[in-house]
N, C-alpha and C. Protein backbone atom coordinates (compact mmCIF):
# COMPACT_ATOMS: atom_id res chain seq x y z
N MET A 1 13.24 -12.27 74.67
CA MET A 1 12.15 -11.57 74.05
C MET A 1 11.43 -12.48 73.05
N GLY A 2 12.26 -13.23 72.26
CA GLY A 2 11.68 -14.15 71.29
C GLY A 2 10.92 -15.28 71.97
N ALA A 3 11.47 -15.76 73.12
CA ALA A 3 10.82 -16.84 73.84
C ALA A 3 9.49 -16.37 74.41
N LEU A 4 9.43 -15.11 74.87
CA LEU A 4 8.18 -14.57 75.39
C LEU A 4 7.14 -14.45 74.28
N ALA A 5 7.56 -13.99 73.11
CA ALA A 5 6.62 -13.87 71.98
C ALA A 5 6.10 -15.24 71.57
N ALA A 6 6.99 -16.25 71.55
CA ALA A 6 6.59 -17.61 71.19
C ALA A 6 5.61 -18.17 72.23
N ALA A 7 5.84 -17.88 73.51
CA ALA A 7 4.95 -18.37 74.57
C ALA A 7 3.58 -17.71 74.46
N VAL A 8 3.53 -16.40 74.16
CA VAL A 8 2.26 -15.70 74.02
C VAL A 8 1.50 -16.25 72.81
N ALA A 9 2.20 -16.47 71.69
CA ALA A 9 1.57 -17.02 70.48
C ALA A 9 1.02 -18.42 70.75
N ALA A 10 1.79 -19.25 71.47
CA ALA A 10 1.34 -20.60 71.80
C ALA A 10 0.10 -20.55 72.68
N PHE A 11 0.10 -19.62 73.65
CA PHE A 11 -1.05 -19.49 74.53
C PHE A 11 -2.32 -19.13 73.73
N PHE A 12 -2.23 -18.14 72.82
CA PHE A 12 -3.40 -17.73 72.04
C PHE A 12 -3.83 -18.82 71.05
N LEU A 13 -2.87 -19.56 70.52
CA LEU A 13 -3.20 -20.67 69.63
C LEU A 13 -3.95 -21.76 70.39
N TRP A 14 -3.51 -22.05 71.61
CA TRP A 14 -4.17 -23.05 72.43
C TRP A 14 -5.59 -22.61 72.80
N ARG A 15 -5.80 -21.30 73.09
CA ARG A 15 -7.11 -20.77 73.48
C ARG A 15 -8.08 -20.70 72.30
N SER A 16 -7.56 -20.63 71.07
CA SER A 16 -8.43 -20.51 69.91
C SER A 16 -8.97 -21.85 69.43
N GLN A 17 -8.54 -22.92 70.04
CA GLN A 17 -9.03 -24.24 69.66
C GLN A 17 -10.50 -24.38 70.06
N PRO A 18 -11.33 -24.95 69.16
CA PRO A 18 -12.76 -25.10 69.52
C PRO A 18 -12.93 -26.14 70.63
N SER A 19 -13.88 -25.87 71.47
CA SER A 19 -14.18 -26.83 72.53
C SER A 19 -15.51 -27.50 72.21
N THR A 20 -15.64 -28.71 72.58
CA THR A 20 -16.86 -29.46 72.31
C THR A 20 -17.88 -29.20 73.39
N GLU A 21 -19.12 -29.05 72.94
CA GLU A 21 -20.23 -28.89 73.87
C GLU A 21 -21.31 -29.87 73.47
N PRO A 22 -21.97 -30.48 74.45
CA PRO A 22 -23.01 -31.45 74.09
C PRO A 22 -24.20 -30.73 73.42
N LEU A 23 -24.79 -31.40 72.44
CA LEU A 23 -25.97 -30.86 71.77
C LEU A 23 -27.20 -31.05 72.64
N PRO A 24 -28.16 -30.14 72.54
CA PRO A 24 -29.38 -30.33 73.32
C PRO A 24 -30.16 -31.53 72.78
N VAL A 25 -30.93 -32.13 73.64
CA VAL A 25 -31.74 -33.28 73.25
C VAL A 25 -32.80 -32.81 72.26
N PRO A 26 -32.90 -33.47 71.08
CA PRO A 26 -33.89 -33.02 70.10
C PRO A 26 -35.31 -33.25 70.60
N THR A 27 -36.17 -32.30 70.29
CA THR A 27 -37.57 -32.44 70.68
C THR A 27 -38.31 -33.09 69.52
N PRO A 28 -39.17 -34.05 69.81
CA PRO A 28 -39.89 -34.71 68.73
C PRO A 28 -40.85 -33.74 68.04
N MET A 29 -40.94 -33.86 66.73
CA MET A 29 -41.86 -33.01 65.97
C MET A 29 -43.27 -33.58 66.06
N ALA A 30 -44.23 -32.69 66.14
CA ALA A 30 -45.62 -33.14 66.16
C ALA A 30 -46.00 -33.63 64.77
N ALA A 31 -46.82 -34.62 64.72
CA ALA A 31 -47.27 -35.15 63.43
C ALA A 31 -48.08 -34.08 62.71
N GLN A 32 -47.89 -34.01 61.41
CA GLN A 32 -48.62 -33.00 60.62
C GLN A 32 -50.06 -33.48 60.46
N THR A 33 -50.99 -32.68 60.93
CA THR A 33 -52.38 -33.09 60.89
C THR A 33 -53.12 -32.55 59.69
N THR A 34 -52.62 -31.47 59.10
CA THR A 34 -53.27 -30.93 57.91
C THR A 34 -52.37 -31.12 56.72
N PRO A 35 -52.94 -31.47 55.57
CA PRO A 35 -52.11 -31.65 54.40
C PRO A 35 -51.53 -30.31 53.95
N PRO A 36 -50.40 -30.35 53.25
CA PRO A 36 -49.83 -29.09 52.79
C PRO A 36 -50.79 -28.38 51.84
N PRO A 37 -50.72 -27.03 51.76
CA PRO A 37 -51.67 -26.29 50.95
C PRO A 37 -51.67 -26.69 49.48
N THR A 38 -50.51 -27.15 48.96
CA THR A 38 -50.47 -27.53 47.55
C THR A 38 -51.31 -28.78 47.30
N ALA A 39 -51.49 -29.62 48.33
CA ALA A 39 -52.29 -30.82 48.14
C ALA A 39 -53.78 -30.47 48.04
N LEU A 40 -54.16 -29.29 48.55
CA LEU A 40 -55.56 -28.89 48.51
C LEU A 40 -55.92 -28.16 47.23
N ALA A 41 -54.94 -27.74 46.45
CA ALA A 41 -55.20 -26.97 45.24
C ALA A 41 -55.90 -27.85 44.20
N LYS A 42 -56.87 -27.27 43.54
CA LYS A 42 -57.66 -28.00 42.54
C LYS A 42 -57.78 -27.17 41.28
N VAL A 43 -58.05 -27.83 40.17
CA VAL A 43 -58.38 -27.15 38.92
C VAL A 43 -59.74 -27.66 38.47
N THR A 44 -60.53 -26.75 37.89
CA THR A 44 -61.84 -27.11 37.38
C THR A 44 -61.78 -27.00 35.86
N VAL A 45 -62.15 -28.09 35.18
CA VAL A 45 -62.11 -28.10 33.72
C VAL A 45 -63.43 -28.63 33.18
N HIS A 46 -63.76 -28.19 31.96
CA HIS A 46 -64.95 -28.65 31.26
C HIS A 46 -64.49 -29.57 30.14
N VAL A 47 -64.90 -30.84 30.21
CA VAL A 47 -64.54 -31.81 29.20
C VAL A 47 -65.77 -32.06 28.35
N THR A 48 -65.64 -31.85 27.03
CA THR A 48 -66.78 -31.98 26.13
C THR A 48 -66.33 -32.62 24.82
N GLY A 49 -67.27 -32.83 23.94
CA GLY A 49 -66.97 -33.42 22.64
C GLY A 49 -67.30 -34.90 22.64
N LYS A 50 -66.47 -35.67 21.95
CA LYS A 50 -66.70 -37.11 21.81
C LYS A 50 -66.11 -37.83 23.01
N ILE A 51 -66.84 -37.72 24.11
CA ILE A 51 -66.41 -38.26 25.40
C ILE A 51 -67.59 -38.99 26.02
N ARG A 52 -67.36 -39.99 26.83
CA ARG A 52 -68.45 -40.79 27.40
C ARG A 52 -69.31 -40.01 28.38
N LYS A 53 -68.70 -39.22 29.28
CA LYS A 53 -69.45 -38.47 30.28
C LYS A 53 -69.00 -37.01 30.26
N PRO A 54 -69.46 -36.21 29.29
CA PRO A 54 -69.05 -34.81 29.28
C PRO A 54 -69.54 -34.08 30.51
N GLY A 55 -68.78 -33.10 30.93
CA GLY A 55 -69.18 -32.33 32.10
C GLY A 55 -68.03 -31.56 32.68
N VAL A 56 -68.28 -30.97 33.85
CA VAL A 56 -67.28 -30.19 34.56
C VAL A 56 -66.67 -31.08 35.63
N TYR A 57 -65.34 -31.10 35.68
CA TYR A 57 -64.63 -31.97 36.61
C TYR A 57 -63.63 -31.15 37.43
N ILE A 58 -63.52 -31.51 38.71
CA ILE A 58 -62.56 -30.88 39.61
C ILE A 58 -61.46 -31.91 39.86
N LEU A 59 -60.24 -31.54 39.48
CA LEU A 59 -59.09 -32.44 39.57
C LEU A 59 -57.98 -31.79 40.39
N PRO A 60 -57.06 -32.58 40.92
CA PRO A 60 -55.95 -32.00 41.68
C PRO A 60 -55.08 -31.11 40.80
N SER A 61 -54.54 -30.08 41.39
CA SER A 61 -53.64 -29.19 40.66
C SER A 61 -52.45 -30.01 40.16
N GLY A 62 -52.01 -29.72 38.96
CA GLY A 62 -50.91 -30.47 38.37
C GLY A 62 -51.38 -31.63 37.51
N SER A 63 -52.71 -31.84 37.43
CA SER A 63 -53.24 -32.91 36.59
C SER A 63 -53.00 -32.60 35.12
N ARG A 64 -53.04 -33.63 34.32
CA ARG A 64 -52.79 -33.51 32.88
C ARG A 64 -54.10 -33.71 32.12
N VAL A 65 -54.06 -33.41 30.82
CA VAL A 65 -55.25 -33.57 29.97
C VAL A 65 -55.71 -35.03 30.00
N THR A 66 -54.78 -35.96 30.01
CA THR A 66 -55.15 -37.37 30.06
C THR A 66 -55.96 -37.71 31.31
N ASP A 67 -55.66 -37.03 32.44
CA ASP A 67 -56.42 -37.26 33.67
C ASP A 67 -57.86 -36.77 33.53
N ALA A 68 -58.04 -35.64 32.83
CA ALA A 68 -59.38 -35.10 32.62
C ALA A 68 -60.19 -36.03 31.71
N VAL A 69 -59.55 -36.54 30.67
CA VAL A 69 -60.23 -37.46 29.75
C VAL A 69 -60.62 -38.74 30.49
N THR A 70 -59.74 -39.24 31.33
CA THR A 70 -60.04 -40.43 32.13
C THR A 70 -61.18 -40.17 33.10
N ALA A 71 -61.18 -39.00 33.75
CA ALA A 71 -62.24 -38.66 34.70
C ALA A 71 -63.59 -38.59 34.01
N ALA A 72 -63.58 -38.21 32.74
CA ALA A 72 -64.84 -38.11 31.98
C ALA A 72 -65.22 -39.43 31.33
N GLY A 73 -64.61 -40.51 31.72
CA GLY A 73 -65.00 -41.83 31.24
C GLY A 73 -64.28 -42.27 29.98
N GLY A 74 -63.37 -41.50 29.49
CA GLY A 74 -62.64 -41.87 28.29
C GLY A 74 -63.35 -41.41 27.03
N VAL A 75 -62.68 -41.60 25.90
CA VAL A 75 -63.25 -41.16 24.62
C VAL A 75 -64.33 -42.12 24.15
N SER A 76 -65.28 -41.57 23.38
CA SER A 76 -66.34 -42.39 22.80
C SER A 76 -65.75 -43.30 21.73
N ARG A 77 -66.48 -44.31 21.37
CA ARG A 77 -66.03 -45.26 20.35
C ARG A 77 -65.80 -44.53 19.03
N GLY A 78 -64.66 -44.76 18.44
CA GLY A 78 -64.34 -44.16 17.15
C GLY A 78 -63.79 -42.75 17.23
N ALA A 79 -63.73 -42.16 18.40
CA ALA A 79 -63.21 -40.80 18.53
C ALA A 79 -61.69 -40.84 18.64
N SER A 80 -61.08 -39.74 18.26
CA SER A 80 -59.63 -39.65 18.29
C SER A 80 -59.20 -38.52 19.21
N THR A 81 -58.08 -38.72 19.88
CA THR A 81 -57.50 -37.67 20.72
C THR A 81 -56.28 -37.06 20.04
N GLY A 82 -56.17 -37.29 18.73
CA GLY A 82 -55.00 -36.83 17.98
C GLY A 82 -54.74 -35.34 18.08
N SER A 83 -55.76 -34.52 18.20
CA SER A 83 -55.56 -33.07 18.26
C SER A 83 -55.24 -32.59 19.67
N LEU A 84 -55.31 -33.46 20.66
CA LEU A 84 -55.04 -33.07 22.05
C LEU A 84 -53.62 -33.45 22.46
N ASN A 85 -53.01 -32.59 23.23
CA ASN A 85 -51.74 -32.92 23.86
C ASN A 85 -52.09 -33.50 25.23
N LEU A 86 -52.13 -34.81 25.32
CA LEU A 86 -52.57 -35.48 26.55
C LEU A 86 -51.60 -35.28 27.71
N ALA A 87 -50.37 -34.88 27.43
CA ALA A 87 -49.37 -34.69 28.49
C ALA A 87 -49.38 -33.27 29.05
N ARG A 88 -50.14 -32.35 28.47
CA ARG A 88 -50.15 -30.96 28.91
C ARG A 88 -50.84 -30.83 30.26
N ARG A 89 -50.29 -29.93 31.12
CA ARG A 89 -50.92 -29.67 32.42
C ARG A 89 -52.21 -28.88 32.22
N LEU A 90 -53.19 -29.15 33.06
CA LEU A 90 -54.47 -28.46 32.98
C LEU A 90 -54.37 -27.07 33.57
N ILE A 91 -55.19 -26.18 33.02
CA ILE A 91 -55.30 -24.81 33.51
C ILE A 91 -56.71 -24.65 34.05
N ASP A 92 -56.82 -24.05 35.23
CA ASP A 92 -58.11 -23.88 35.86
C ASP A 92 -59.05 -23.09 34.94
N GLY A 93 -60.25 -23.61 34.74
CA GLY A 93 -61.27 -22.92 33.95
C GLY A 93 -61.23 -23.21 32.46
N GLU A 94 -60.37 -24.09 32.01
CA GLU A 94 -60.29 -24.34 30.58
C GLU A 94 -61.30 -25.38 30.11
N GLN A 95 -61.52 -25.40 28.81
CA GLN A 95 -62.42 -26.36 28.20
C GLN A 95 -61.59 -27.28 27.31
N ILE A 96 -61.80 -28.57 27.44
CA ILE A 96 -61.11 -29.56 26.64
C ILE A 96 -62.13 -30.20 25.71
N VAL A 97 -61.92 -30.06 24.40
CA VAL A 97 -62.83 -30.63 23.41
C VAL A 97 -62.17 -31.86 22.81
N VAL A 98 -62.77 -33.01 23.05
CA VAL A 98 -62.23 -34.28 22.57
C VAL A 98 -62.85 -34.61 21.22
N GLY A 99 -62.01 -34.99 20.26
CA GLY A 99 -62.50 -35.43 18.96
C GLY A 99 -62.69 -34.31 17.96
N ALA A 100 -62.44 -33.08 18.33
CA ALA A 100 -62.56 -31.97 17.38
C ALA A 100 -61.26 -31.85 16.61
N ALA A 101 -61.35 -31.45 15.35
CA ALA A 101 -60.15 -31.23 14.56
C ALA A 101 -59.37 -30.08 15.19
N ALA A 102 -58.08 -30.06 14.98
CA ALA A 102 -57.25 -29.01 15.57
C ALA A 102 -57.77 -27.64 15.14
N GLY A 103 -58.00 -26.77 16.12
CA GLY A 103 -58.48 -25.43 15.82
C GLY A 103 -59.99 -25.32 15.71
N GLN A 104 -60.70 -26.44 15.86
CA GLN A 104 -62.16 -26.41 15.77
C GLN A 104 -62.75 -26.88 17.10
N ALA A 105 -63.97 -26.49 17.34
CA ALA A 105 -64.68 -26.92 18.54
C ALA A 105 -66.04 -27.42 18.13
N THR A 106 -66.70 -28.03 19.07
CA THR A 106 -68.06 -28.44 18.80
C THR A 106 -68.91 -27.19 18.68
N PRO A 107 -70.03 -27.22 17.96
CA PRO A 107 -70.83 -26.01 17.74
C PRO A 107 -71.19 -25.32 19.05
N GLY A 108 -70.93 -24.02 19.09
CA GLY A 108 -71.33 -23.22 20.24
C GLY A 108 -70.38 -23.25 21.42
N SER A 109 -69.25 -23.94 21.29
CA SER A 109 -68.33 -24.00 22.42
C SER A 109 -66.91 -23.67 21.97
N PRO A 110 -66.36 -22.58 22.47
CA PRO A 110 -65.00 -22.21 22.08
C PRO A 110 -63.95 -23.04 22.80
N ILE A 111 -62.81 -23.20 22.19
CA ILE A 111 -61.70 -23.89 22.83
C ILE A 111 -60.86 -22.84 23.55
N THR A 112 -60.47 -23.12 24.75
CA THR A 112 -59.56 -22.25 25.46
C THR A 112 -58.18 -22.86 25.32
N ASP A 113 -57.38 -22.31 24.42
CA ASP A 113 -56.04 -22.80 24.17
C ASP A 113 -55.08 -22.11 25.13
N PRO A 114 -54.37 -22.85 25.98
CA PRO A 114 -53.48 -22.22 26.93
C PRO A 114 -52.38 -21.41 26.27
N ALA A 115 -52.06 -21.72 25.03
CA ALA A 115 -51.01 -20.98 24.33
C ALA A 115 -51.47 -19.57 23.96
N THR A 116 -52.80 -19.36 23.86
CA THR A 116 -53.31 -18.05 23.47
C THR A 116 -54.17 -17.42 24.56
N ALA A 117 -54.36 -18.10 25.67
CA ALA A 117 -55.21 -17.58 26.75
C ALA A 117 -54.58 -16.34 27.38
N ILE A 118 -55.42 -15.38 27.75
CA ILE A 118 -54.94 -14.18 28.43
C ILE A 118 -55.20 -14.37 29.93
N LEU A 119 -54.14 -14.28 30.71
CA LEU A 119 -54.22 -14.53 32.15
C LEU A 119 -54.36 -13.24 32.93
N ASP A 120 -55.14 -13.29 33.99
CA ASP A 120 -55.27 -12.17 34.92
C ASP A 120 -54.14 -12.30 35.94
N LEU A 121 -53.27 -11.32 36.00
CA LEU A 121 -52.12 -11.36 36.91
C LEU A 121 -52.54 -11.47 38.38
N ASN A 122 -53.72 -10.99 38.71
CA ASN A 122 -54.16 -10.99 40.11
C ASN A 122 -54.86 -12.27 40.52
N SER A 123 -55.19 -13.15 39.57
CA SER A 123 -55.87 -14.38 39.96
C SER A 123 -55.23 -15.64 39.40
N ALA A 124 -54.24 -15.51 38.53
CA ALA A 124 -53.60 -16.68 37.93
C ALA A 124 -52.79 -17.45 38.96
N THR A 125 -52.84 -18.76 38.86
CA THR A 125 -52.03 -19.60 39.74
C THR A 125 -50.62 -19.69 39.18
N THR A 126 -49.70 -20.21 39.98
CA THR A 126 -48.33 -20.37 39.50
C THR A 126 -48.28 -21.33 38.32
N ASP A 127 -49.12 -22.38 38.33
CA ASP A 127 -49.16 -23.31 37.20
C ASP A 127 -49.60 -22.60 35.93
N GLN A 128 -50.58 -21.71 36.04
CA GLN A 128 -51.04 -20.96 34.87
C GLN A 128 -49.97 -20.01 34.39
N LEU A 129 -49.28 -19.35 35.31
CA LEU A 129 -48.22 -18.41 34.93
C LEU A 129 -47.08 -19.12 34.22
N GLU A 130 -46.85 -20.38 34.55
CA GLU A 130 -45.79 -21.15 33.89
C GLU A 130 -46.09 -21.40 32.42
N GLN A 131 -47.34 -21.23 32.00
CA GLN A 131 -47.71 -21.41 30.60
C GLN A 131 -47.29 -20.22 29.75
N LEU A 132 -46.93 -19.10 30.37
CA LEU A 132 -46.49 -17.92 29.63
C LEU A 132 -45.12 -18.17 29.03
N PRO A 133 -44.82 -17.56 27.88
CA PRO A 133 -43.53 -17.79 27.24
C PRO A 133 -42.38 -17.29 28.10
N GLY A 134 -41.40 -18.17 28.32
CA GLY A 134 -40.22 -17.80 29.08
C GLY A 134 -40.41 -17.76 30.58
N VAL A 135 -41.57 -18.17 31.08
CA VAL A 135 -41.83 -18.15 32.52
C VAL A 135 -41.80 -19.59 33.03
N GLY A 136 -40.86 -19.85 33.91
CA GLY A 136 -40.74 -21.17 34.52
C GLY A 136 -41.26 -21.15 35.94
N GLU A 137 -40.96 -22.20 36.65
CA GLU A 137 -41.45 -22.36 38.02
C GLU A 137 -40.95 -21.25 38.94
N VAL A 138 -39.69 -20.90 38.82
CA VAL A 138 -39.10 -19.89 39.72
C VAL A 138 -39.69 -18.50 39.43
N LEU A 139 -39.77 -18.13 38.16
CA LEU A 139 -40.29 -16.82 37.81
C LEU A 139 -41.78 -16.71 38.14
N ALA A 140 -42.53 -17.78 37.93
CA ALA A 140 -43.95 -17.78 38.29
C ALA A 140 -44.11 -17.57 39.80
N ALA A 141 -43.24 -18.18 40.58
CA ALA A 141 -43.30 -18.01 42.04
C ALA A 141 -42.96 -16.56 42.42
N ARG A 142 -42.01 -15.95 41.70
CA ARG A 142 -41.66 -14.55 41.98
C ARG A 142 -42.83 -13.62 41.66
N ILE A 143 -43.55 -13.92 40.57
CA ILE A 143 -44.70 -13.09 40.19
C ILE A 143 -45.78 -13.17 41.26
N THR A 144 -46.10 -14.38 41.73
CA THR A 144 -47.14 -14.51 42.76
C THR A 144 -46.67 -13.91 44.08
N GLU A 145 -45.37 -14.02 44.39
CA GLU A 145 -44.84 -13.41 45.62
C GLU A 145 -44.94 -11.89 45.54
N PHE A 146 -44.62 -11.32 44.38
CA PHE A 146 -44.73 -9.87 44.19
C PHE A 146 -46.19 -9.45 44.35
N ARG A 147 -47.10 -10.21 43.74
CA ARG A 147 -48.54 -9.90 43.81
C ARG A 147 -49.01 -9.92 45.26
N ASP A 148 -48.61 -10.95 46.00
CA ASP A 148 -49.06 -11.08 47.39
C ASP A 148 -48.47 -9.99 48.29
N SER A 149 -47.23 -9.62 48.07
CA SER A 149 -46.59 -8.63 48.93
C SER A 149 -46.98 -7.20 48.59
N HIS A 150 -47.49 -6.94 47.38
CA HIS A 150 -47.86 -5.59 46.97
C HIS A 150 -49.38 -5.41 46.85
N GLY A 151 -50.14 -6.39 47.31
CA GLY A 151 -51.60 -6.25 47.27
C GLY A 151 -52.17 -6.38 45.87
N GLY A 152 -51.48 -7.06 44.98
CA GLY A 152 -51.97 -7.26 43.62
C GLY A 152 -51.37 -6.28 42.64
N PHE A 153 -51.58 -6.56 41.38
CA PHE A 153 -51.09 -5.69 40.31
C PHE A 153 -52.18 -4.67 39.98
N THR A 154 -51.78 -3.43 39.74
CA THR A 154 -52.73 -2.41 39.29
C THR A 154 -52.58 -2.14 37.80
N THR A 155 -51.40 -2.43 37.25
CA THR A 155 -51.16 -2.31 35.81
C THR A 155 -50.28 -3.46 35.36
N VAL A 156 -50.35 -3.77 34.08
CA VAL A 156 -49.51 -4.81 33.51
C VAL A 156 -48.03 -4.39 33.60
N GLU A 157 -47.77 -3.09 33.49
CA GLU A 157 -46.40 -2.58 33.51
C GLU A 157 -45.69 -2.87 34.83
N GLN A 158 -46.44 -3.10 35.92
CA GLN A 158 -45.82 -3.44 37.21
C GLN A 158 -45.06 -4.76 37.12
N LEU A 159 -45.36 -5.54 36.12
CA LEU A 159 -44.66 -6.81 35.94
C LEU A 159 -43.16 -6.59 35.76
N ARG A 160 -42.76 -5.41 35.25
CA ARG A 160 -41.35 -5.08 35.08
C ARG A 160 -40.61 -5.00 36.41
N GLU A 161 -41.34 -4.78 37.50
CA GLU A 161 -40.72 -4.66 38.81
C GLU A 161 -40.37 -6.01 39.41
N VAL A 162 -40.87 -7.10 38.81
CA VAL A 162 -40.59 -8.44 39.31
C VAL A 162 -39.16 -8.82 38.92
N SER A 163 -38.39 -9.29 39.87
CA SER A 163 -37.02 -9.71 39.62
C SER A 163 -37.00 -10.83 38.58
N GLY A 164 -36.21 -10.65 37.52
CA GLY A 164 -36.10 -11.66 36.48
C GLY A 164 -36.87 -11.33 35.22
N ILE A 165 -37.67 -10.26 35.25
CA ILE A 165 -38.40 -9.85 34.06
C ILE A 165 -37.76 -8.58 33.52
N GLY A 166 -37.02 -8.76 32.44
CA GLY A 166 -36.38 -7.64 31.79
C GLY A 166 -37.25 -7.12 30.66
N PRO A 167 -36.76 -6.16 29.90
CA PRO A 167 -37.54 -5.58 28.80
C PRO A 167 -37.96 -6.61 27.74
N ARG A 168 -37.05 -7.52 27.39
CA ARG A 168 -37.37 -8.51 26.36
C ARG A 168 -38.45 -9.49 26.83
N LYS A 169 -38.31 -10.01 28.04
CA LYS A 169 -39.30 -10.95 28.56
C LYS A 169 -40.65 -10.26 28.74
N PHE A 170 -40.62 -8.99 29.18
CA PHE A 170 -41.86 -8.24 29.34
C PHE A 170 -42.58 -8.11 27.99
N ASP A 171 -41.82 -7.82 26.93
CA ASP A 171 -42.42 -7.70 25.59
C ASP A 171 -43.06 -9.02 25.14
N GLU A 172 -42.46 -10.16 25.53
CA GLU A 172 -43.02 -11.47 25.17
C GLU A 172 -44.31 -11.76 25.92
N VAL A 173 -44.40 -11.29 27.15
CA VAL A 173 -45.49 -11.67 28.05
C VAL A 173 -46.65 -10.68 28.05
N LYS A 174 -46.39 -9.39 27.82
CA LYS A 174 -47.40 -8.35 28.06
C LYS A 174 -48.70 -8.54 27.28
N ALA A 175 -48.65 -9.14 26.10
CA ALA A 175 -49.87 -9.35 25.33
C ALA A 175 -50.70 -10.52 25.87
N ARG A 176 -50.12 -11.33 26.74
CA ARG A 176 -50.78 -12.53 27.24
C ARG A 176 -51.32 -12.36 28.66
N VAL A 177 -51.18 -11.14 29.24
CA VAL A 177 -51.66 -10.92 30.61
C VAL A 177 -52.51 -9.65 30.68
N ARG A 178 -53.30 -9.58 31.76
CA ARG A 178 -54.11 -8.40 32.02
C ARG A 178 -54.28 -8.29 33.53
N VAL A 179 -54.85 -7.14 33.98
CA VAL A 179 -55.15 -6.98 35.42
C VAL A 179 -56.64 -6.74 35.58
């Protein structure tokens, strides 16, 4: 009886061994003819103040303030960029004033400070959403995914339905967004 049980166990152990099968021949991938959508994203900024060529410039998404200043021909002679954070990422539609004292703008032109800007939840890019307090790359992506899957936000309070936004984070962000 024991020998029969051992033979049956050996048989099932032998049958449970994986068998090798040849892999199918890989098919070559077609060359990508269109650039990825992120490469097509652009930001439009207005560079003004003590700059060589003030104006509106369209730059690739992810560009920095230094890129906008360079695109506008650099600062005028004797001007300072001390009040600008040259390493900050650009936000679509913002105005950069070169040579103005911190908190001041040239006459008739307001500064759009990304730290105090109010973002529209239905049109803000993920880069813009990352400027909100406590919102990083992952949470910004979740907000845009929620917006796209639900046909946009109808109220600011819907932001609470986004995974990762609890009561505390909502209280930090709600004054900085609108629909």
